[in-house]
């Protein structure tokens, strides 16, 4: 099984931080659960990157369990680049400019 390196762009880290901050305002335990689910999803992507559908150009989308967010990423030879962690209700235009 091929082992992929994962690179998370700074804008995707900012998305995660924004989500965690929003959840913290509602429940002090939600940010931890949110980031744990993201970590689990990233590991699933690392092990099975082709399991997720291409939605925009070459961008694949993996939904995060429990939370209404999705990880947007693309593949290059031996690496995975995460460009966004996007809330499902937001317009894709918000992250498409990152391409």
PDB file of N, CA and C in Angstrom:
ATOM      1  N   UNK A   1       0.836  -1.180   0.000  1.00  0.00           N
ATOM      2  CA  UNK A   1       0.000   0.000   0.000  1.00  0.00           C
ATOM      3  C   UNK A   1       0.881   1.245   0.000  1.00  0.00           C
ATOM      4  N   UNK A   2       0.570   2.141  -0.888  1.00  0.00           N
ATOM      5  CA  UNK A   2       1.347   3.364  -1.009  1.00  0.00           C
ATOM      6  C   UNK A   2       1.071   4.284   0.178  1.00  0.00           C
ATOM      7  N   UNK A   3       2.117   4.879   0.697  1.00  0.00           N
ATOM      8  CA  UNK A   3       1.990   5.804   1.836  1.00  0.00           C
ATOM      9  C   UNK A   3       2.102   7.228   1.310  1.00  0.00           C
ATOM     10  N   UNK A   4       1.069   8.005   1.492  1.00  0.00           N
ATOM     11  CA  UNK A   4       1.031   9.380   1.019  1.00  0.00           C
ATOM     12  C   UNK A   4       1.413  10.353   2.127  1.00  0.00           C
ATOM     13  N   UNK A   5       2.133  11.383   1.750  1.00  0.00           N
ATOM     14  CA  UNK A   5       2.405  12.497   2.662  1.00  0.00           C
ATOM     15  C   UNK A   5       1.197  13.417   2.596  1.00  0.00           C
ATOM     16  N   UNK A   6       0.836  14.001   3.727  1.00  0.00           N
ATOM     17  CA  UNK A   6      -0.288  14.931   3.754  1.00  0.00           C
ATOM     18  C   UNK A   6       0.237  16.322   4.068  1.00  0.00           C
ATOM     19  N   UNK A   7      -0.155  17.257   3.225  1.00  0.00           N
ATOM     20  CA  UNK A   7       0.184  18.667   3.434  1.00  0.00           C
ATOM     21  C   UNK A   7      -1.122  19.419   3.623  1.00  0.00           C
ATOM     22  N   UNK A   8      -1.212  20.160   4.716  1.00  0.00           N
ATOM     23  CA  UNK A   8      -2.408  20.948   4.984  1.00  0.00           C
ATOM     24  C   UNK A   8      -2.044  22.415   4.773  1.00  0.00           C
ATOM     25  N   UNK A   9      -2.701  23.047   3.812  1.00  0.00           N
ATOM     26  CA  UNK A   9      -2.415  24.450   3.518  1.00  0.00           C
ATOM     27  C   UNK A   9      -2.826  25.334   4.705  1.00  0.00           C
ATOM     28  N   UNK A  10      -2.141  26.455   4.890  1.00  0.00           N
ATOM     29  CA  UNK A  10      -2.489  27.368   5.992  1.00  0.00           C
ATOM     30  C   UNK A  10      -3.959  27.792   5.978  1.00  0.00           C
ATOM     31  N   UNK A  11      -4.524  27.959   4.810  1.00  0.00           N
ATOM     32  CA  UNK A  11      -5.937  28.347   4.727  1.00  0.00           C
ATOM     33  C   UNK A  11      -6.848  27.247   5.278  1.00  0.00           C
ATOM     34  N   UNK A  12      -6.466  25.983   5.099  1.00  0.00           N
ATOM     35  CA  UNK A  12      -7.254  24.877   5.650  1.00  0.00           C
ATOM     36  C   UNK A  12      -7.121  24.836   7.170  1.00  0.00           C
ATOM     37  N   UNK A  13      -5.906  25.112   7.684  1.00  0.00           N
ATOM     38  CA  UNK A  13      -5.743  25.221   9.141  1.00  0.00           C
ATOM     39  C   UNK A  13      -6.635  26.337   9.686  1.00  0.00           C
ATOM     40  N   UNK A  14      -6.713  27.439   8.970  1.00  0.00           N
ATOM     41  CA  UNK A  14      -7.571  28.553   9.400  1.00  0.00           C
ATOM     42  C   UNK A  14      -9.041  28.121   9.406  1.00  0.00           C
ATOM     43  N   UNK A  15      -9.446  27.326   8.419  1.00  0.00           N
ATOM     44  CA  UNK A  15     -10.815  26.806   8.388  1.00  0.00           C
ATOM     45  C   UNK A  15     -11.107  25.974   9.633  1.00  0.00           C
ATOM     46  N   UNK A  16     -10.156  25.120  10.001  1.00  0.00           N
ATOM     47  CA  UNK A  16     -10.322  24.270  11.175  1.00  0.00           C
ATOM     48  C   UNK A  16     -10.433  25.129  12.433  1.00  0.00           C
ATOM     49  N   UNK A  17      -9.567  26.121  12.530  1.00  0.00           N
ATOM     50  CA  UNK A  17      -9.600  27.017  13.688  1.00  0.00           C
ATOM     51  C   UNK A  17     -10.923  27.779  13.758  1.00  0.00           C
ATOM     52  N   UNK A  18     -11.404  28.248  12.633  1.00  0.00           N
ATOM     53  CA  UNK A  18     -12.687  28.958  12.605  1.00  0.00           C
ATOM     54  C   UNK A  18     -13.827  28.056  13.080  1.00  0.00           C
ATOM     55  N   UNK A  19     -13.821  26.815  12.597  1.00  0.00           N
ATOM     56  CA  UNK A  19     -14.854  25.865  13.016  1.00  0.00           C
ATOM     57  C   UNK A  19     -14.776  25.570  14.503  1.00  0.00           C
ATOM     58  N   UNK A  20     -13.569  25.340  15.005  1.00  0.00           N
ATOM     59  CA  UNK A  20     -13.386  25.053  16.428  1.00  0.00           C
ATOM     60  C   UNK A  20     -13.824  26.233  17.287  1.00  0.00           C
ATOM     61  N   UNK A  21     -13.516  27.435  16.854  1.00  0.00           N
ATOM     62  CA  UNK A  21     -13.919  28.639  17.587  1.00  0.00           C
ATOM     63  C   UNK A  21     -15.436  28.752  17.635  1.00  0.00           C
ATOM     64  N   UNK A  22     -16.087  28.487  16.523  1.00  0.00           N
ATOM     65  CA  UNK A  22     -17.551  28.549  16.491  1.00  0.00           C
ATOM     66  C   UNK A  22     -18.144  27.520  17.444  1.00  0.00           C
ATOM     67  N   UNK A  23     -17.632  26.279  17.404  1.00  0.00           N
ATOM     68  CA  UNK A  23     -18.156  25.229  18.282  1.00  0.00           C
ATOM     69  C   UNK A  23     -17.891  25.531  19.755  1.00  0.00           C
ATOM     70  N   UNK A  24     -16.780  26.166  20.049  1.00  0.00           N
ATOM     71  CA  UNK A  24     -16.453  26.505  21.439  1.00  0.00           C
ATOM     72  C   UNK A  24     -17.486  27.458  22.034  1.00  0.00           C
ATOM     73  N   UNK A  25     -18.050  28.318  21.216  1.00  0.00           N
ATOM     74  CA  UNK A  25     -19.072  29.252  21.684  1.00  0.00           C
ATOM     75  C   UNK A  25     -20.360  28.541  22.099  1.00  0.00           C
ATOM     76  N   UNK A  26     -20.529  27.305  21.633  1.00  0.00           N
ATOM     77  CA  UNK A  26     -21.757  26.561  21.898  1.00  0.00           C
ATOM     78  C   UNK A  26     -21.586  25.454  22.929  1.00  0.00           C
ATOM     79  N   UNK A  27     -20.384  24.898  23.000  1.00  0.00           N
ATOM     80  CA  UNK A  27     -20.123  23.816  23.952  1.00  0.00           C
ATOM     81  C   UNK A  27     -18.615  23.653  24.059  1.00  0.00           C
ATOM     82  N   UNK A  28     -18.090  23.691  25.267  1.00  0.00           N
ATOM     83  CA  UNK A  28     -16.635  23.676  25.457  1.00  0.00           C
ATOM     84  C   UNK A  28     -15.972  22.370  25.018  1.00  0.00           C
ATOM     85  N   UNK A  29     -16.739  21.296  24.875  1.00  0.00           N
ATOM     86  CA  UNK A  29     -16.157  20.014  24.459  1.00  0.00           C
ATOM     87  C   UNK A  29     -16.200  19.788  22.947  1.00  0.00           C
ATOM     88  N   UNK A  30     -17.008  20.549  22.252  1.00  0.00           N
ATOM     89  CA  UNK A  30     -17.156  20.344  20.808  1.00  0.00           C
ATOM     90  C   UNK A  30     -15.885  20.606  20.003  1.00  0.00           C
ATOM     91  N   UNK A  31     -15.075  21.620  20.334  1.00  0.00           N
ATOM     92  CA  UNK A  31     -13.870  21.816  19.523  1.00  0.00           C
ATOM     93  C   UNK A  31     -12.946  20.597  19.520  1.00  0.00           C
ATOM     94  N   UNK A  32     -12.817  19.928  20.643  1.00  0.00           N
ATOM     95  CA  UNK A  32     -11.967  18.732  20.714  1.00  0.00           C
ATOM     96  C   UNK A  32     -12.547  17.617  19.844  1.00  0.00           C
ATOM     97  N   UNK A  33     -13.853  17.402  19.926  1.00  0.00           N
ATOM     98  CA  UNK A  33     -14.485  16.376  19.098  1.00  0.00           C
ATOM     99  C   UNK A  33     -14.354  16.708  17.618  1.00  0.00           C
ATOM    100  N   UNK A  34     -14.513  17.987  17.298  1.00  0.00           N
ATOM    101  CA  UNK A  34     -14.390  18.457  15.915  1.00  0.00           C
ATOM    102  C   UNK A  34     -12.991  18.155  15.367  1.00  0.00           C
ATOM    103  N   UNK A  35     -11.955  18.544  16.096  1.00  0.00           N
ATOM    104  CA  UNK A  35     -10.583  18.318  15.610  1.00  0.00           C
ATOM    105  C   UNK A  35     -10.234  16.831  15.588  1.00  0.00           C
ATOM    106  N   UNK A  36     -10.770  16.053  16.516  1.00  0.00           N
ATOM    107  CA  UNK A  36     -10.534  14.599  16.487  1.00  0.00           C
ATOM    108  C   UNK A  36     -11.139  13.981  15.236  1.00  0.00           C
ATOM    109  N   UNK A  37     -12.343  14.416  14.864  1.00  0.00           N
ATOM    110  CA  UNK A  37     -12.978  13.884  13.661  1.00  0.00           C
ATOM    111  C   UNK A  37     -12.211  14.277  12.404  1.00  0.00           C
ATOM    112  N   UNK A  38     -11.649  15.470  12.412  1.00  0.00           N
ATOM    113  CA  UNK A  38     -10.835  15.897  11.271  1.00  0.00           C
ATOM    114  C   UNK A  38      -9.595  15.020  11.169  1.00  0.00           C
ATOM    115  N   UNK A  39      -8.926  14.769  12.300  1.00  0.00           N
ATOM    116  CA  UNK A  39      -7.739  13.904  12.287  1.00  0.00           C
ATOM    117  C   UNK A  39      -8.077  12.508  11.773  1.00  0.00           C
ATOM    118  N   UNK A  40      -9.191  11.953  12.222  1.00  0.00           N
ATOM    119  CA  UNK A  40      -9.609  10.635  11.738  1.00  0.00           C
ATOM    120  C   UNK A  40      -9.869  10.656  10.236  1.00  0.00           C
ATOM    121  N   UNK A  41     -10.517  11.699   9.768  1.00  0.00           N
ATOM    122  CA  UNK A  41     -10.801  11.813   8.332  1.00  0.00           C
ATOM    123  C   UNK A  41      -9.525  11.946   7.514  1.00  0.00           C
ATOM    124  N   UNK A  42      -8.562  12.709   8.011  1.00  0.00           N
ATOM    125  CA  UNK A  42      -7.284  12.861   7.305  1.00  0.00           C
ATOM    126  C   UNK A  42      -6.571  11.514   7.213  1.00  0.00           C
ATOM    127  N   UNK A  43      -6.620  10.722   8.268  1.00  0.00           N
ATOM    128  CA  UNK A  43      -5.990   9.395   8.225  1.00  0.00           C
ATOM    129  C   UNK A  43      -6.698   8.487   7.220  1.00  0.00           C
ATOM    130  N   UNK A  44      -8.017   8.556   7.155  1.00  0.00           N
ATOM    131  CA  UNK A  44      -8.750   7.770   6.155  1.00  0.00           C
ATOM    132  C   UNK A  44      -8.343   8.195   4.743  1.00  0.00           C
ATOM    133  N   UNK A  45      -8.228   9.506   4.541  1.00  0.00           N
ATOM    134  CA  UNK A  45      -7.805  10.017   3.231  1.00  0.00           C
ATOM    135  C   UNK A  45      -6.401   9.518   2.915  1.00  0.00           C
ATOM    136  N   UNK A  46      -5.499   9.557   3.887  1.00  0.00           N
ATOM    137  CA  UNK A  46      -4.114   9.124   3.684  1.00  0.00           C
ATOM    138  C   UNK A  46      -4.058   7.663   3.217  1.00  0.00           C
ATOM    139  N   UNK A  47      -4.909   6.826   3.799  1.00  0.00           N
ATOM    140  CA  UNK A  47      -4.874   5.398   3.482  1.00  0.00           C
ATOM    141  C   UNK A  47      -5.685   5.019   2.244  1.00  0.00           C
ATOM    142  N   UNK A  48      -6.736   5.773   1.957  1.00  0.00           N
ATOM    143  CA  UNK A  48      -7.581   5.463   0.796  1.00  0.00           C
ATOM    144  C   UNK A  48      -7.966   6.748   0.047  1.00  0.00           C
ATOM    145  N   UNK A  49      -6.989   7.438  -0.509  1.00  0.00           N
ATOM    146  CA  UNK A  49      -7.279   8.738  -1.135  1.00  0.00           C
ATOM    147  C   UNK A  49      -8.187   8.659  -2.356  1.00  0.00           C
ATOM    148  N   UNK A  50      -8.221   7.519  -3.028  1.00  0.00           N
ATOM    149  CA  UNK A  50      -9.042   7.395  -4.231  1.00  0.00           C
ATOM    150  C   UNK A  50     -10.480   6.991  -3.914  1.00  0.00           C
ATOM    151  N   UNK A  51     -10.789   6.798  -2.645  1.00  0.00           N
ATOM    152  CA  UNK A  51     -12.135   6.376  -2.244  1.00  0.00           C
ATOM    153  C   UNK A  51     -13.147   7.516  -2.308  1.00  0.00           C
ATOM    154  N   UNK A  52     -12.675   8.719  -2.454  1.00  0.00           N
ATOM    155  CA  UNK A  52     -13.556   9.887  -2.427  1.00  0.00           C
ATOM    156  C   UNK A  52     -13.690  10.472  -3.831  1.00  0.00           C
ATOM    157  N   UNK A  53     -14.890  10.927  -4.113  1.00  0.00           N
ATOM    158  CA  UNK A  53     -15.210  11.397  -5.463  1.00  0.00           C
ATOM    159  C   UNK A  53     -14.550  12.729  -5.796  1.00  0.00           C
ATOM    160  N   UNK A  54     -14.207  12.863  -7.078  1.00  0.00           N
ATOM    161  CA  UNK A  54     -13.742  14.149  -7.591  1.00  0.00           C
ATOM    162  C   UNK A  54     -14.985  15.001  -7.826  1.00  0.00           C
ATOM    163  N   UNK A  55     -14.980  16.210  -7.282  1.00  0.00           N
ATOM    164  CA  UNK A  55     -16.150  17.073  -7.403  1.00  0.00           C
ATOM    165  C   UNK A  55     -15.883  18.317  -8.241  1.00  0.00           C
ATOM    166  N   UNK A  56     -14.726  18.929  -8.077  1.00  0.00           N
ATOM    167  CA  UNK A  56     -14.374  20.154  -8.788  1.00  0.00           C
ATOM    168  C   UNK A  56     -12.987  19.966  -9.368  1.00  0.00           C
ATOM    169  N   UNK A  57     -12.887  20.074 -10.680  1.00  0.00           N
ATOM    170  CA  UNK A  57     -11.603  19.877 -11.352  1.00  0.00           C
ATOM    171  C   UNK A  57     -10.982  18.578 -10.832  1.00  0.00           C
ATOM    172  N   UNK A  58      -9.875  18.631 -10.130  1.00  0.00           N
ATOM    173  CA  UNK A  58      -9.251  17.433  -9.572  1.00  0.00           C
ATOM    174  C   UNK A  58      -9.402  17.361  -8.055  1.00  0.00           C
ATOM    175  N   UNK A  59     -10.317  18.136  -7.508  1.00  0.00           N
ATOM    176  CA  UNK A  59     -10.504  18.209  -6.065  1.00  0.00           C
ATOM    177  C   UNK A  59     -11.455  17.108  -5.600  1.00  0.00           C
ATOM    178  N   UNK A  60     -11.002  16.348  -4.640  1.00  0.00           N
ATOM    179  CA  UNK A  60     -11.815  15.302  -4.018  1.00  0.00           C
ATOM    180  C   UNK A  60     -12.371  15.844  -2.706  1.00  0.00           C
ATOM    181  N   UNK A  61     -13.505  15.293  -2.298  1.00  0.00           N
ATOM    182  CA  UNK A  61     -14.151  15.773  -1.083  1.00  0.00           C
ATOM    183  C   UNK A  61     -14.482  14.592  -0.181  1.00  0.00           C
ATOM    184  N   UNK A  62     -14.025  14.691   1.073  1.00  0.00           N
ATOM    185  CA  UNK A  62     -14.314  13.677   2.093  1.00  0.00           C
ATOM    186  C   UNK A  62     -15.122  14.334   3.204  1.00  0.00           C
ATOM    187  N   UNK A  63     -16.320  13.835   3.421  1.00  0.00           N
ATOM    188  CA  UNK A  63     -17.155  14.380   4.490  1.00  0.00           C
ATOM    189  C   UNK A  63     -16.622  13.938   5.849  1.00  0.00           C
ATOM    190  N   UNK A  64     -16.760  14.818   6.812  1.00  0.00           N
ATOM    191  CA  UNK A  64     -16.328  14.534   8.179  1.00  0.00           C
ATOM    192  C   UNK A  64     -17.517  13.973   8.946  1.00  0.00           C
ATOM    193  N   UNK A  65     -17.297  12.874   9.648  1.00  0.00           N
ATOM    194  CA  UNK A  65     -18.368  12.259  10.439  1.00  0.00           C
ATOM    195  C   UNK A  65     -18.833  13.212  11.527  1.00  0.00           C
ATOM    196  N   UNK A  66     -20.112  13.203  11.796  1.00  0.00           N
ATOM    197  CA  UNK A  66     -20.780  13.950  12.865  1.00  0.00           C
ATOM    198  C   UNK A  66     -20.961  15.433  12.544  1.00  0.00           C
ATOM    199  N   UNK A  67     -19.967  16.073  11.972  1.00  0.00           N
ATOM    200  CA  UNK A  67     -20.001  17.509  11.735  1.00  0.00           C
ATOM    201  C   UNK A  67     -20.290  17.808  10.258  1.00  0.00           C
ATOM    202  N   UNK A  68     -20.971  18.927   9.970  1.00  0.00           N
ATOM    203  CA  UNK A  68     -21.322  19.248   8.576  1.00  0.00           C
ATOM    204  C   UNK A  68     -20.179  19.938   7.830  1.00  0.00           C
ATOM    205  N   UNK A  69     -19.018  19.314   7.834  1.00  0.00           N
ATOM    206  CA  UNK A  69     -17.831  19.836   7.158  1.00  0.00           C
ATOM    207  C   UNK A  69     -17.291  18.774   6.214  1.00  0.00           C
ATOM    208  N   UNK A  70     -16.519  19.227   5.248  1.00  0.00           N
ATOM    209  CA  UNK A  70     -15.871  18.312   4.316  1.00  0.00           C
ATOM    210  C   UNK A  70     -14.446  18.783   4.068  1.00  0.00           C
ATOM    211  N   UNK A  71     -13.568  17.814   3.878  1.00  0.00           N
ATOM    212  CA  UNK A  71     -12.164  18.093   3.569  1.00  0.00           C
ATOM    213  C   UNK A  71     -12.016  18.065   2.058  1.00  0.00           C
ATOM    214  N   UNK A  72     -11.444  19.125   1.506  1.00  0.00           N
ATOM    215  CA  UNK A  72     -11.221  19.254   0.065  1.00  0.00           C
ATOM    216  C   UNK A  72      -9.728  19.092  -0.192  1.00  0.00           C
ATOM    217  N   UNK A  73      -9.384  18.162  -1.081  1.00  0.00           N
ATOM    218  CA  UNK A  73      -7.969  17.858  -1.303  1.00  0.00           C
ATOM    219  C   UNK A  73      -7.727  17.408  -2.730  1.00  0.00           C
ATOM    220  N   UNK A  74      -6.441  17.415  -3.093  1.00  0.00           N
ATOM    221  CA  UNK A  74      -6.047  16.856  -4.382  1.00  0.00           C
ATOM    222  C   UNK A  74      -4.788  16.023  -4.193  1.00  0.00           C
ATOM    223  N   UNK A  75      -4.555  15.148  -5.164  1.00  0.00           N
ATOM    224  CA  UNK A  75      -3.415  14.227  -5.130  1.00  0.00           C
ATOM    225  C   UNK A  75      -2.356  14.659  -6.122  1.00  0.00           C
ATOM    226  N   UNK A  76      -1.106  14.444  -5.737  1.00  0.00           N
ATOM    227  CA  UNK A  76       0.033  14.628  -6.624  1.00  0.00           C
ATOM    228  C   UNK A  76       1.021  13.522  -6.313  1.00  0.00           C
ATOM    229  N   UNK A  77       1.269  12.650  -7.236  1.00  0.00           N
ATOM    230  CA  UNK A  77       2.193  11.531  -7.096  1.00  0.00           C
ATOM    231  C   UNK A  77       2.141  10.873  -5.730  1.00  0.00           C
ATOM    232  N   UNK A  78       2.963  11.314  -4.769  1.00  0.00           N
ATOM    233  CA  UNK A  78       3.010  10.670  -3.457  1.00  0.00           C
ATOM    234  C   UNK A  78       2.531  11.580  -2.332  1.00  0.00           C
ATOM    235  N   UNK A  79       1.766  12.617  -2.691  1.00  0.00           N
ATOM    236  CA  UNK A  79       1.311  13.531  -1.646  1.00  0.00           C
ATOM    237  C   UNK A  79      -0.161  13.913  -1.821  1.00  0.00           C
ATOM    238  N   UNK A  80      -0.739  14.295  -0.713  1.00  0.00           N
ATOM    239  CA  UNK A  80      -2.112  14.774  -0.655  1.00  0.00           C
ATOM    240  C   UNK A  80      -2.047  16.195  -0.121  1.00  0.00           C
ATOM    241  N   UNK A  81      -2.685  17.122  -0.797  1.00  0.00           N
ATOM    242  CA  UNK A  81      -2.724  18.504  -0.338  1.00  0.00           C
ATOM    243  C   UNK A  81      -4.155  18.861   0.017  1.00  0.00           C
ATOM    244  N   UNK A  82      -4.353  19.222   1.280  1.00  0.00           N
ATOM    245  CA  UNK A  82      -5.666  19.642   1.755  1.00  0.00           C
ATOM    246  C   UNK A  82      -5.747  21.149   1.596  1.00  0.00           C
ATOM    247  N   UNK A  83      -6.725  21.586   0.800  1.00  0.00           N
ATOM    248  CA  UNK A  83      -6.837  23.020   0.530  1.00  0.00           C
ATOM    249  C   UNK A  83      -7.923  23.699   1.349  1.00  0.00           C
ATOM    250  N   UNK A  84      -8.890  22.915   1.858  1.00  0.00           N
ATOM    251  CA  UNK A  84      -9.976  23.527   2.622  1.00  0.00           C
ATOM    252  C   UNK A  84     -10.645  22.497   3.518  1.00  0.00           C
ATOM    253  N   UNK A  85     -11.170  22.980   4.618  1.00  0.00           N
ATOM    254  CA  UNK A  85     -12.072  22.221   5.482  1.00  0.00           C
ATOM    255  C   UNK A  85     -13.304  23.108   5.566  1.00  0.00           C
ATOM    256  N   UNK A  86     -14.282  22.754   4.764  1.00  0.00           N
ATOM    257  CA  UNK A  86     -15.363  23.671   4.408  1.00  0.00           C
ATOM    258  C   UNK A  86     -16.702  23.217   4.987  1.00  0.00           C
ATOM    259  N   UNK A  87     -17.454  24.154   5.550  1.00  0.00           N
ATOM    260  CA  UNK A  87     -18.800  23.857   6.057  1.00  0.00           C
ATOM    261  C   UNK A  87     -19.719  23.583   4.871  1.00  0.00           C
ATOM    262  N   UNK A  88     -20.560  22.602   5.009  1.00  0.00           N
ATOM    263  CA  UNK A  88     -21.410  22.155   3.900  1.00  0.00           C
ATOM    264  C   UNK A  88     -22.392  23.212   3.403  1.00  0.00           C
ATOM    265  N   UNK A  89     -22.766  24.160   4.254  1.00  0.00           N
ATOM    266  CA  UNK A  89     -23.757  25.155   3.822  1.00  0.00           C
ATOM    267  C   UNK A  89     -23.138  26.363   3.121  1.00  0.00           C
ATOM    268  N   UNK A  90     -21.813  26.440   3.081  1.00  0.00           N
ATOM    269  CA  UNK A  90     -21.157  27.587   2.452  1.00  0.00           C
ATOM    270  C   UNK A  90     -20.927  27.348   0.966  1.00  0.00           C
ATOM    271  N   UNK A  91     -20.887  28.415   0.238  1.00  0.00           N
ATOM    272  CA  UNK A  91     -20.674  28.348  -1.202  1.00  0.00           C
ATOM    273  C   UNK A  91     -19.258  27.862  -1.522  1.00  0.00           C
ATOM    274  N   UNK A  92     -19.121  26.998  -2.522  1.00  0.00           N
ATOM    275  CA  UNK A  92     -17.785  26.543  -2.929  1.00  0.00           C
ATOM    276  C   UNK A  92     -16.907  27.680  -3.437  1.00  0.00           C
ATOM    277  N   UNK A  93     -17.506  28.783  -3.809  1.00  0.00           N
ATOM    278  CA  UNK A  93     -16.713  29.918  -4.291  1.00  0.00           C
ATOM    279  C   UNK A  93     -15.725  30.400  -3.239  1.00  0.00           C
ATOM    280  N   UNK A  94     -16.060  30.158  -1.974  1.00  0.00           N
ATOM    281  CA  UNK A  94     -15.197  30.596  -0.891  1.00  0.00           C
ATOM    282  C   UNK A  94     -13.831  29.908  -0.935  1.00  0.00           C
ATOM    283  N   UNK A  95     -13.797  28.636  -1.301  1.00  0.00           N
ATOM    284  CA  UNK A  95     -12.509  27.950  -1.333  1.00  0.00           C
ATOM    285  C   UNK A  95     -11.977  27.733  -2.740  1.00  0.00           C
ATOM    286  N   UNK A  96     -12.810  27.824  -3.764  1.00  0.00           N
ATOM    287  CA  UNK A  96     -12.321  27.621  -5.138  1.00  0.00           C
ATOM    288  C   UNK A  96     -11.238  28.618  -5.523  1.00  0.00           C
ATOM    289  N   UNK A  97     -11.260  29.785  -4.915  1.00  0.00           N
ATOM    290  CA  UNK A  97     -10.223  30.787  -5.220  1.00  0.00           C
ATOM    291  C   UNK A  97      -8.852  30.346  -4.731  1.00  0.00           C
ATOM    292  N   UNK A  98      -8.794  29.312  -3.893  1.00  0.00           N
ATOM    293  CA  UNK A  98      -7.515  28.814  -3.369  1.00  0.00           C
ATOM    294  C   UNK A  98      -6.755  27.946  -4.363  1.00  0.00           C
ATOM    295  N   UNK A  99      -7.415  27.573  -5.434  1.00  0.00           N
ATOM    296  CA  UNK A  99      -6.769  26.664  -6.400  1.00  0.00           C
ATOM    297  C   UNK A  99      -5.680  27.369  -7.194  1.00  0.00           C
TER     298      UNK A  99
END
